[in-house]
């Protein structure tokens, strides 16, 4: 009878303990499953990221190969009826897809200039405007070429030669006021005003590449006045005669575009833009040609200068000038590019100075890129000097110094919450030694069982142990009672 009572008590205790054991087992299994799912999710994310990267790389490579293929299949067309040669048939319609990848064309053109070892001033400008970073060797090579050319002049300087060299010298980050023993800026100030339209236009540009002082600024204003007076009734400029020429009109716009804050400059630019839009733009090709001008056929040089001037004046040629089937000056210029990166002068012909047409096309596209990115003129090489932070003003009513506090006593009115920010956690909490085996790897694509979450079931097992102690206590108590009977 006594044993039966003992067994009854033990079974009652076990029944009380069973829910805790079941809960502990379930919690442990759930934690393991959750941890494994977390690891699986992490591995899946890593796999998807890798797959996405591979797919992206494959897409870029495919696009590159398609671009090369499209350029190698150029259909040459006579210049007067020139269409963009990088057209591809669209899947949904018979319309041709124009090549609008100006950045790709810009990069290929710059790479071609480097490969051909072009050391002209305009090559340096083209490379800088394309976003390329010149190496130390490239800068040294340009320096040597510019210095030799300056020395070869033997003191007999023309305004345009000085202006051209100044642009190149400033482009490679050197000082035109003291280059190879010559102050080119001082010489330009002497000669530019009497140099004709080209010398005056590039005088504005050269003197605006950096801040060269008050005398240079006065000369810039003088040259701007002279150039504005030479704008014809149609709104353009000419090398000679009264008919506007695309090249000098674009060049002049690029110079005036650096000084749109000057009185009358913006209105002159507006008239030039109107001329290009109403008279110069060829809707069938997206290019430019002014009838009766110096250029009698469409060519990449004239189109490049028009793009240069428009972009420098703040006008987007790709949205303001849209022709048949979406042709624009940008798509037209890109169509002149060959598979090796060079730009033809005439559509469908490799005759002419392709190095010059490549230089002009590259820095024209560079100016277009500057426009889209809000970077101003490609001729502006002024270094941006950050303004120093203003000196902080002293507080007229400085806060009183805090009184030393008595250990163990809080200042009056201060609560525990308000003083919590001053608690030294290193002193309040004992530092625990780090067990390297418990650390979770920060990198890697796999996880071990040791790295699974270990929270959630420790507290339940504590309940199990407590239940066992209760069970033993009940059994002991029942035994003593039976013995007393």
Protein backbone atom coordinates (compact mmCIF):
# COMPACT_ATOMS: atom_id res chain seq x y z
CA UNK A 1 0.00 0.00 0.00
CA UNK A 2 2.86 2.37 0.88
CA UNK A 3 4.66 1.65 -2.39
CA UNK A 4 1.46 2.29 -4.30
CA UNK A 5 1.18 5.74 -2.74
CA UNK A 6 4.84 6.49 -3.61
CA UNK A 7 4.31 5.45 -7.22
CA UNK A 8 1.13 7.51 -7.38
CA UNK A 9 3.04 10.62 -6.26
CA UNK A 10 5.84 9.97 -8.75
CA UNK A 11 3.42 9.59 -11.65
CA UNK A 12 1.62 12.79 -10.67
CA UNK A 13 4.92 14.67 -10.70
CA UNK A 14 5.85 13.22 -14.09
CA UNK A 15 2.50 14.31 -15.49
CA UNK A 16 3.18 17.84 -14.24
CA UNK A 17 6.65 17.74 -15.79
CA UNK A 18 5.63 16.34 -19.23
CA UNK A 19 4.48 19.68 -20.78
CA UNK A 20 7.83 21.27 -19.92
CA UNK A 21 9.79 18.39 -21.51
CA UNK A 22 7.61 18.51 -24.63
CA UNK A 23 8.02 22.29 -24.86
CA UNK A 24 11.81 22.03 -24.53
CA UNK A 25 12.06 19.38 -27.23
CA UNK A 26 9.79 21.35 -29.57
CA UNK A 27 11.67 24.60 -28.97
CA UNK A 28 15.02 22.92 -29.64
CA UNK A 29 13.75 21.41 -32.89
CA UNK A 30 12.21 24.73 -33.95
CA UNK A 31 15.45 26.62 -33.27
CA UNK A 32 17.49 24.15 -35.30
CA UNK A 33 15.01 24.30 -38.18
CA UNK A 34 14.93 28.11 -38.05
CA UNK A 35 18.72 28.27 -38.05
CA UNK A 36 18.95 25.88 -40.97
CA UNK A 37 16.37 27.90 -42.89
CA UNK A 38 18.37 31.07 -42.15
CA UNK A 39 21.53 29.46 -43.49
CA UNK A 40 19.68 28.15 -46.55
CA UNK A 41 18.22 31.60 -47.20
CA UNK A 42 21.68 33.16 -46.87
CA UNK A 43 23.13 30.63 -49.29
CA UNK A 44 20.26 31.21 -51.73
CA UNK A 45 20.77 34.98 -51.59
CA UNK A 46 24.49 34.57 -52.22
CA UNK A 47 23.74 32.22 -55.12
CA UNK A 48 21.21 34.63 -56.61
CA UNK A 49 23.65 37.54 -56.23
CA UNK A 50 26.37 35.56 -57.97
CA UNK A 51 23.97 34.49 -60.71
CA UNK A 52 22.81 38.08 -61.18
CA UNK A 53 26.40 39.26 -61.47
CA UNK A 54 27.19 36.56 -64.02
CA UNK A 55 24.05 37.43 -65.97
CA UNK A 56 24.96 41.12 -65.85
CA UNK A 57 28.47 40.42 -67.10
CA UNK A 58 27.08 38.25 -69.88
CA UNK A 59 24.65 41.03 -70.85
CA UNK A 60 27.44 43.62 -70.97
CA UNK A 61 29.61 41.29 -73.07
CA UNK A 62 26.70 40.53 -75.39
CA UNK A 63 25.96 44.24 -75.81
CA UNK A 64 29.62 44.92 -76.52
CA UNK A 65 29.78 42.17 -79.14
CA UNK A 66 26.57 43.41 -80.74
CA UNK A 67 27.99 46.94 -80.84
CA UNK A 68 31.16 45.72 -82.53
CA UNK A 69 29.12 43.65 -84.97
CA UNK A 70 26.86 46.57 -85.84
CA UNK A 71 29.84 48.85 -86.44
CA UNK A 72 31.54 46.25 -88.63
CA UNK A 73 28.44 46.05 -90.80
CA UNK A 74 28.28 49.75 -91.65
CA UNK A 75 26.45 50.53 -94.87
CA UNK A 76 28.21 53.40 -96.62
CA UNK A 77 25.89 56.04 -98.04
CA UNK A 78 26.64 59.17 -100.10
CA UNK A 79 27.08 62.22 -97.87
CA UNK A 80 24.13 64.23 -99.16
CA UNK A 81 21.69 61.43 -98.41
CA UNK A 82 23.55 60.12 -95.39
CA UNK A 83 21.65 58.13 -92.82
CA UNK A 84 23.11 56.86 -89.57
CA UNK A 85 25.20 53.79 -90.36
CA UNK A 86 24.69 52.13 -86.99
CA UNK A 87 21.03 51.37 -87.61
CA UNK A 88 19.65 47.94 -86.72
CA UNK A 89 16.20 46.54 -87.63
CA UNK A 90 13.67 46.68 -84.81
CA UNK A 91 11.83 43.48 -83.94
CA UNK A 92 8.41 45.04 -83.60
CA UNK A 93 8.45 47.28 -86.66
CA UNK A 94 10.36 48.14 -89.80
CA UNK A 95 11.81 51.27 -88.17
CA UNK A 96 15.59 51.38 -87.73
CA UNK A 97 17.11 51.71 -84.27
CA UNK A 98 19.53 54.64 -84.12
CA UNK A 99 22.72 54.28 -82.16
CA UNK A 100 22.39 56.65 -79.20
CA UNK A 101 25.24 55.20 -77.14
CA UNK A 102 27.31 58.37 -77.08
CA UNK A 103 29.29 57.16 -74.06
CA UNK A 104 30.43 54.05 -75.93
CA UNK A 105 31.39 56.17 -78.94
CA UNK A 106 33.19 58.61 -76.66
CA UNK A 107 35.18 55.85 -75.00
CA UNK A 108 36.11 54.14 -78.28
CA UNK A 109 37.21 57.46 -79.76
CA UNK A 110 39.42 58.24 -76.76
CA UNK A 111 40.94 54.77 -76.88
CA UNK A 112 41.74 55.26 -80.55
CA UNK A 113 43.52 58.56 -79.82
CA UNK A 114 45.65 56.82 -77.20
CA UNK A 115 46.41 53.89 -79.50
CA UNK A 116 47.45 56.22 -82.32
CA UNK A 117 49.73 58.17 -79.94
CA UNK A 118 48.15 61.45 -80.99
CA UNK A 119 50.01 64.24 -79.17
CA UNK A 120 48.16 67.27 -80.55
CA UNK A 121 46.67 69.87 -78.23
CA UNK A 122 43.18 68.82 -79.32
CA UNK A 123 43.97 65.21 -78.45
CA UNK A 124 44.82 66.25 -74.89
CA UNK A 125 41.56 68.21 -74.69
CA UNK A 126 39.61 65.28 -76.13
CA UNK A 127 41.08 62.79 -73.66
CA UNK A 128 40.43 65.02 -70.65
CA UNK A 129 36.86 65.79 -71.74
CA UNK A 130 36.18 62.07 -72.29
CA UNK A 131 36.83 61.45 -68.60
CA UNK A 132 40.17 59.69 -69.17
CA UNK A 133 42.87 60.15 -66.55
CA UNK A 134 46.22 60.94 -68.15
CA UNK A 135 49.15 58.93 -66.87
CA UNK A 136 52.38 60.58 -65.77
CA UNK A 137 54.04 59.39 -68.98
CA UNK A 138 51.25 60.83 -71.15
CA UNK A 139 51.44 64.20 -69.39
CA UNK A 140 55.22 64.24 -69.80
CA UNK A 141 54.87 63.44 -73.51
CA UNK A 142 52.35 66.24 -74.07
CA UNK A 143 54.58 68.62 -72.10
CA UNK A 144 57.58 67.80 -74.28
CA UNK A 145 55.62 68.22 -77.53
CA UNK A 146 54.15 71.57 -76.43
CA UNK A 147 57.53 72.83 -75.23
CA UNK A 148 59.24 71.89 -78.50
CA UNK A 149 56.54 73.65 -80.52
CA UNK A 150 56.84 76.78 -78.41
CA UNK A 151 60.62 76.75 -78.75
CA UNK A 152 60.31 76.32 -82.51
CA UNK A 153 58.38 79.59 -82.77
CA UNK A 154 61.56 81.40 -81.72
CA UNK A 155 59.61 84.29 -80.26
CA UNK A 156 57.45 84.81 -83.36
CA UNK A 157 54.09 83.95 -81.85
CA UNK A 158 50.74 84.12 -83.57
CA UNK A 159 47.67 84.63 -81.41
CA UNK A 160 46.00 81.40 -82.48
CA UNK A 161 49.14 79.32 -81.83
CA UNK A 162 49.48 80.82 -78.35
CA UNK A 163 45.80 80.24 -77.63
CA UNK A 164 45.91 76.65 -78.85
CA UNK A 165 48.99 75.86 -76.74
CA UNK A 166 47.44 77.55 -73.71
CA UNK A 167 44.42 75.25 -73.96
CA UNK A 168 46.68 72.19 -74.13
CA UNK A 169 48.95 73.33 -71.30
CA UNK A 170 45.98 74.06 -69.03
CA UNK A 171 44.41 70.73 -69.98
CA UNK A 172 47.40 68.76 -68.68
CA UNK A 173 47.36 70.76 -65.44
CA UNK A 174 50.29 73.12 -66.04
CA UNK A 175 50.63 76.90 -65.85
CA UNK A 176 50.54 78.86 -69.15
CA UNK A 177 51.91 81.97 -67.41
CA UNK A 178 55.27 80.28 -66.96
CA UNK A 179 55.68 77.47 -69.43
CA UNK A 180 59.12 76.80 -70.86
CA UNK A 181 60.16 80.32 -69.90
CA UNK A 182 57.24 82.03 -71.67
CA UNK A 183 54.16 83.78 -70.27
CA UNK A 184 51.63 82.77 -72.92
CA UNK A 185 48.80 84.66 -71.21
CA UNK A 186 50.64 87.96 -71.42
CA UNK A 187 51.34 87.37 -75.11
CA UNK A 188 47.69 86.55 -75.82
CA UNK A 189 46.57 89.74 -74.10
CA UNK A 190 48.82 91.68 -76.51
CA UNK A 191 47.70 89.98 -79.71
CA UNK A 192 44.16 88.56 -79.47
CA UNK A 193 42.12 91.70 -80.19
CA UNK A 194 43.71 92.22 -83.61
CA UNK A 195 43.80 88.56 -84.63
CA UNK A 196 40.50 88.25 -86.51
CA UNK A 197 37.41 86.25 -85.56
CA UNK A 198 39.24 82.96 -84.90
CA UNK A 199 41.92 84.57 -82.73
CA UNK A 200 39.29 86.51 -80.80
CA UNK A 201 37.11 83.46 -80.18
CA UNK A 202 39.98 81.30 -78.98
CA UNK A 203 41.37 84.25 -77.05
CA UNK A 204 38.19 84.20 -74.97
CA UNK A 205 38.57 80.45 -74.45
CA UNK A 206 42.30 80.50 -73.63
CA UNK A 207 42.00 83.36 -71.14
CA UNK A 208 39.05 81.60 -69.49
CA UNK A 209 40.79 78.26 -68.87
CA UNK A 210 42.00 79.55 -65.48
CA UNK A 211 41.85 82.73 -63.41
CA UNK A 212 44.68 84.85 -64.83
CA UNK A 213 43.99 88.16 -63.13
CA UNK A 214 42.23 91.44 -63.82
CA UNK A 215 44.07 92.28 -67.05
CA UNK A 216 43.08 88.93 -68.55
CA UNK A 217 39.47 89.49 -67.47
CA UNK A 218 39.43 92.94 -69.09
CA UNK A 219 40.71 91.40 -72.31
CA UNK A 220 38.00 88.73 -72.17
CA UNK A 221 35.33 91.44 -71.94
CA UNK A 222 36.93 93.33 -74.83
CA UNK A 223 37.00 90.19 -76.99
CA UNK A 224 33.37 89.35 -76.15
CA UNK A 225 32.30 92.81 -77.35
CA UNK A 226 34.25 92.38 -80.59
CA UNK A 227 32.75 88.95 -81.25
CA UNK A 228 29.18 90.05 -80.53
CA UNK A 229 29.54 92.88 -83.05
CA UNK A 230 30.44 90.34 -85.74
CA UNK A 231 27.26 88.28 -85.37
CA UNK A 232 25.34 88.55 -88.65
CA UNK A 233 21.66 89.23 -89.12
CA UNK A 234 20.91 85.51 -89.47
CA UNK A 235 22.36 84.87 -86.01
CA UNK A 236 25.64 83.17 -86.93
CA UNK A 237 29.28 84.00 -87.57
CA UNK A 238 31.45 83.63 -90.68
CA UNK A 239 35.15 83.25 -91.38
CA UNK A 240 34.64 85.79 -94.15
CA UNK A 241 31.66 87.20 -96.02
CA UNK A 242 28.12 87.42 -94.73
CA UNK A 243 26.93 83.80 -94.88
CA UNK A 244 27.08 81.96 -91.56
CA UNK A 245 29.51 79.08 -91.25
CA UNK A 246 28.76 76.07 -89.05
CA UNK A 247 32.29 75.60 -87.73
CA UNK A 248 33.04 79.14 -86.58
CA UNK A 249 29.46 79.55 -85.32
CA UNK A 250 29.86 76.47 -83.13
CA UNK A 251 33.30 77.59 -81.93
CA UNK A 252 31.99 81.05 -81.07
CA UNK A 253 29.06 79.59 -79.16
CA UNK A 254 31.47 77.42 -77.13
CA UNK A 255 33.44 80.56 -76.17
CA UNK A 256 30.42 82.69 -75.33
CA UNK A 257 28.89 79.78 -73.43
CA UNK A 258 31.57 80.26 -70.78
CA UNK A 259 30.25 83.80 -70.12
CA UNK A 260 26.48 83.59 -70.28
CA UNK A 261 26.30 85.92 -67.28
CA UNK A 262 27.61 88.76 -69.46
CA UNK A 263 25.08 91.29 -70.84
CA UNK A 264 23.86 90.50 -74.38
CA UNK A 265 25.64 87.11 -74.48
CA UNK A 266 22.55 85.00 -73.82
CA UNK A 267 20.48 86.80 -76.44
CA UNK A 268 23.28 86.28 -78.99
CA UNK A 269 23.35 82.57 -78.15
CA UNK A 270 19.57 82.35 -78.52
CA UNK A 271 19.83 83.82 -82.03
CA UNK A 272 22.55 81.33 -82.95
CA UNK A 273 20.46 78.40 -81.69
CA UNK A 274 17.51 79.65 -83.76
CA UNK A 275 19.73 79.78 -86.86
CA UNK A 276 20.86 76.19 -86.39
CA UNK A 277 17.32 75.02 -85.81
CA UNK A 278 15.63 76.80 -88.70
CA UNK A 279 18.40 76.85 -91.30
CA UNK A 280 21.20 74.48 -90.35
CA UNK A 281 19.49 71.30 -89.13
CA UNK A 282 19.00 68.53 -91.71
CA UNK A 283 15.99 66.54 -90.54
CA UNK A 284 16.57 63.58 -92.84
CA UNK A 285 19.99 62.83 -91.35
CA UNK A 286 20.11 64.59 -87.99
CA UNK A 287 23.22 66.49 -89.12
CA UNK A 288 23.87 70.14 -90.00
CA UNK A 289 24.50 72.04 -93.22
CA UNK A 290 24.04 75.74 -93.94
CA UNK A 291 23.44 76.31 -97.67
CA UNK A 292 26.01 78.68 -99.16
CA UNK A 293 28.35 78.32 -96.21
CA UNK A 294 32.02 77.37 -96.21
CA UNK A 295 31.14 73.65 -96.00
CA UNK A 296 29.22 72.44 -99.05
CA UNK A 297 28.46 68.94 -97.76
CA UNK A 298 27.58 67.43 -94.42
CA UNK A 299 30.64 66.29 -92.51
CA UNK A 300 31.53 65.19 -89.00
CA UNK A 301 33.74 68.22 -88.25
CA UNK A 302 30.96 70.75 -88.81
CA UNK A 303 28.41 68.64 -86.95
CA UNK A 304 30.85 68.22 -84.05
CA UNK A 305 31.39 72.00 -83.80
CA UNK A 306 27.63 72.60 -83.83
CA UNK A 307 27.16 70.03 -81.03
CA UNK A 308 30.04 71.62 -79.10
CA UNK A 309 28.50 75.09 -79.34
CA UNK A 310 24.98 73.98 -78.47
CA UNK A 311 26.05 71.95 -75.45
CA UNK A 312 28.33 74.75 -74.20
CA UNK A 313 25.38 77.14 -74.48
CA UNK A 314 23.27 74.84 -72.32
CA UNK A 315 21.14 73.45 -75.17
CA UNK A 316 20.66 69.69 -75.41
CA UNK A 317 21.12 68.81 -79.10
CA UNK A 318 19.56 65.38 -78.64
CA UNK A 319 16.22 66.76 -77.46
CA UNK A 320 16.06 70.17 -79.14
CA UNK A 321 16.96 68.86 -82.60
CA UNK A 322 14.98 65.75 -83.54
CA UNK A 323 14.55 64.79 -87.18
CA UNK A 324 13.02 61.98 -89.17
CA UNK A 325 12.72 58.64 -87.39
CA UNK A 326 14.23 60.20 -84.27
CA UNK A 327 17.54 61.20 -85.85
CA UNK A 328 19.51 63.76 -83.81
CA UNK A 329 22.91 65.45 -84.11
CA UNK A 330 24.25 62.90 -81.60
CA UNK A 331 23.11 59.87 -83.60
CA UNK A 332 24.41 61.53 -86.76
CA UNK A 333 27.87 62.10 -85.32
CA UNK A 334 28.09 58.56 -83.94
CA UNK A 335 27.28 57.23 -87.42
CA UNK A 336 30.61 58.59 -88.69
CA UNK A 337 32.57 56.36 -86.31
CA UNK A 338 34.46 53.38 -87.73
CA UNK A 339 34.90 50.02 -86.05
CA UNK A 340 38.39 50.99 -84.81
CA UNK A 341 37.06 54.09 -83.01
CA UNK A 342 38.10 56.68 -85.60
CA UNK A 343 35.55 59.17 -86.93
CA UNK A 344 35.29 59.71 -90.67
CA UNK A 345 35.27 63.24 -92.02
CA UNK A 346 32.80 62.43 -94.81
CA UNK A 347 30.16 59.74 -94.55
CA UNK A 348 31.20 56.62 -96.46
CA UNK A 349 34.76 57.78 -97.13
CA UNK A 350 38.09 57.30 -95.36
CA UNK A 351 39.62 60.32 -97.11
CA UNK A 352 40.66 63.38 -95.19
CA UNK A 353 42.35 64.07 -91.86
CA UNK A 354 40.66 61.44 -89.73
CA UNK A 355 42.80 62.31 -86.71
CA UNK A 356 41.33 65.82 -86.69
CA UNK A 357 37.76 64.61 -87.19
CA UNK A 358 38.28 62.08 -84.37
CA UNK A 359 39.62 64.73 -81.99
CA UNK A 360 36.74 67.10 -82.70
CA UNK A 361 34.09 64.38 -82.45
CA UNK A 362 35.47 63.17 -79.11
CA UNK A 363 35.60 66.55 -77.39
CA UNK A 364 32.20 67.49 -78.85
CA UNK A 365 30.70 64.35 -77.31
CA UNK A 366 32.68 65.20 -74.18
CA UNK A 367 31.00 68.62 -74.01
CA UNK A 368 27.62 66.91 -74.48
CA UNK A 369 28.48 64.60 -71.58
CA UNK A 370 29.48 67.65 -69.49
CA UNK A 371 26.10 69.22 -70.26
CA UNK A 372 24.17 66.17 -69.09
CA UNK A 373 26.24 66.01 -65.90
CA UNK A 374 26.10 69.74 -65.18
CA UNK A 375 29.88 70.15 -65.37
CA UNK A 376 30.04 73.36 -67.41
CA UNK A 377 32.61 73.93 -70.14
CA UNK A 378 35.28 71.42 -71.18
CA UNK A 379 37.66 74.41 -71.43
CA UNK A 380 37.27 75.32 -67.77
CA UNK A 381 40.27 73.89 -65.91
CA UNK A 382 39.89 76.02 -62.81
CA UNK A 383 40.62 74.05 -59.69
CA UNK A 384 37.82 74.15 -57.17
CA UNK A 385 39.26 75.31 -53.84
CA UNK A 386 37.00 74.39 -50.92
CA UNK A 387 36.00 77.35 -48.76
CA UNK A 388 37.26 77.11 -45.18
CA UNK A 389 34.67 76.63 -42.49
CA UNK A 390 33.84 79.89 -40.70
CA UNK A 391 35.36 80.30 -37.27
CA UNK A 392 32.82 79.40 -34.58
CA UNK A 393 31.55 82.36 -32.60
CA UNK A 394 32.05 82.14 -28.83
CA UNK A 395 28.93 81.60 -26.77
CA UNK A 396 28.09 84.94 -25.08
CA UNK A 397 26.67 83.07 -22.10
CA UNK A 398 28.74 79.97 -21.52
CA UNK A 399 27.17 77.26 -19.41
CA UNK A 400 28.47 77.14 -15.81
CA UNK A 401 30.99 74.46 -15.04
CA UNK A 402 29.39 71.39 -13.38
CA UNK A 403 29.93 71.09 -9.64
CA UNK A 404 31.82 68.03 -8.41
CA UNK A 405 29.33 65.37 -7.37
CA UNK A 406 29.46 63.41 -4.13
CA UNK A 407 30.00 59.68 -4.75
CA UNK A 408 26.76 57.76 -4.37
CA UNK A 409 24.61 60.91 -4.41
CA UNK A 410 22.75 62.23 -7.45
CA UNK A 411 22.39 65.95 -8.08
CA UNK A 412 19.02 67.36 -7.15
CA UNK A 413 16.34 66.85 -9.79
CA UNK A 414 18.35 64.32 -11.77
CA UNK A 415 16.63 61.03 -12.52
CA UNK A 416 18.16 57.70 -13.33
CA UNK A 417 17.14 58.09 -16.96
CA UNK A 418 18.78 61.51 -17.31
CA UNK A 419 22.10 60.28 -15.92
CA UNK A 420 22.21 57.05 -17.88
CA UNK A 421 24.35 58.56 -20.63
CA UNK A 422 27.17 59.11 -18.12
CA UNK A 423 27.29 55.49 -17.00
CA UNK A 424 30.61 53.77 -17.66
CA UNK A 425 29.52 50.43 -19.06
CA UNK A 426 33.01 48.99 -18.68
CA UNK A 427 32.75 49.56 -14.94
CA UNK A 428 29.13 48.48 -14.59
CA UNK A 429 29.29 45.18 -16.47
CA UNK A 430 32.03 42.58 -16.01
CA UNK A 431 33.77 41.75 -19.26
CA UNK A 432 33.22 38.20 -20.42
CA UNK A 433 36.01 36.24 -22.08
CA UNK A 434 35.38 35.61 -25.77
CA UNK A 435 35.20 32.00 -26.84
CA UNK A 436 36.51 31.82 -30.41
CA UNK A 437 34.50 28.67 -31.03
CA UNK A 438 31.27 30.65 -30.51
CA UNK A 439 32.09 33.34 -33.10
CA UNK A 440 30.06 33.36 -36.33
CA UNK A 441 32.08 33.85 -39.55
CA UNK A 442 31.54 37.27 -41.15
CA UNK A 443 32.28 36.04 -44.65
CA UNK A 444 31.90 32.88 -46.66
CA UNK A 445 29.13 31.08 -48.52
CA UNK A 446 28.66 28.15 -46.08
CA UNK A 447 27.71 27.92 -42.43
CA UNK A 448 28.36 25.12 -39.94
CA UNK A 449 26.05 23.83 -37.22
CA UNK A 450 28.08 25.87 -34.70
CA UNK A 451 26.98 29.03 -36.48
CA UNK A 452 23.24 28.32 -36.07
CA UNK A 453 21.26 30.47 -33.65
CA UNK A 454 21.56 29.13 -30.07
CA UNK A 455 18.77 31.09 -28.37
CA UNK A 456 15.25 30.07 -27.36
CA UNK A 457 15.59 26.59 -25.74
CA UNK A 458 18.09 27.27 -22.92
CA UNK A 459 15.39 28.76 -20.66
CA UNK A 460 13.03 25.79 -21.32
CA UNK A 461 15.67 23.25 -20.28
CA UNK A 462 16.07 25.27 -17.11
CA UNK A 463 12.39 24.61 -16.45
CA UNK A 464 12.98 20.86 -17.01
CA UNK A 465 15.75 20.81 -14.42
CA UNK A 466 13.56 22.67 -11.97
CA UNK A 467 10.81 20.10 -12.56
CA UNK A 468 13.19 17.24 -11.80
CA UNK A 469 14.05 18.82 -8.47
CA UNK A 470 10.33 19.11 -7.71
CA UNK A 471 9.84 15.45 -8.61
CA UNK A 472 12.60 14.36 -6.25
CA UNK A 473 11.17 16.54 -3.51
CA UNK A 474 7.69 15.04 -3.89
CA UNK A 475 9.06 11.49 -3.80
CA UNK A 476 11.10 12.21 -0.68
CA UNK A 477 8.13 13.78 1.03
CA UNK A 478 5.83 10.81 0.26
CA UNK A 479 8.45 8.38 1.55
CA UNK A 480 8.78 10.20 4.90
CA UNK A 481 5.03 10.30 5.38
CA UNK A 482 4.64 6.57 4.76
CA UNK A 483 7.43 5.79 7.20
CA UNK A 484 5.77 7.94 9.87
CA UNK A 485 2.57 5.91 9.47
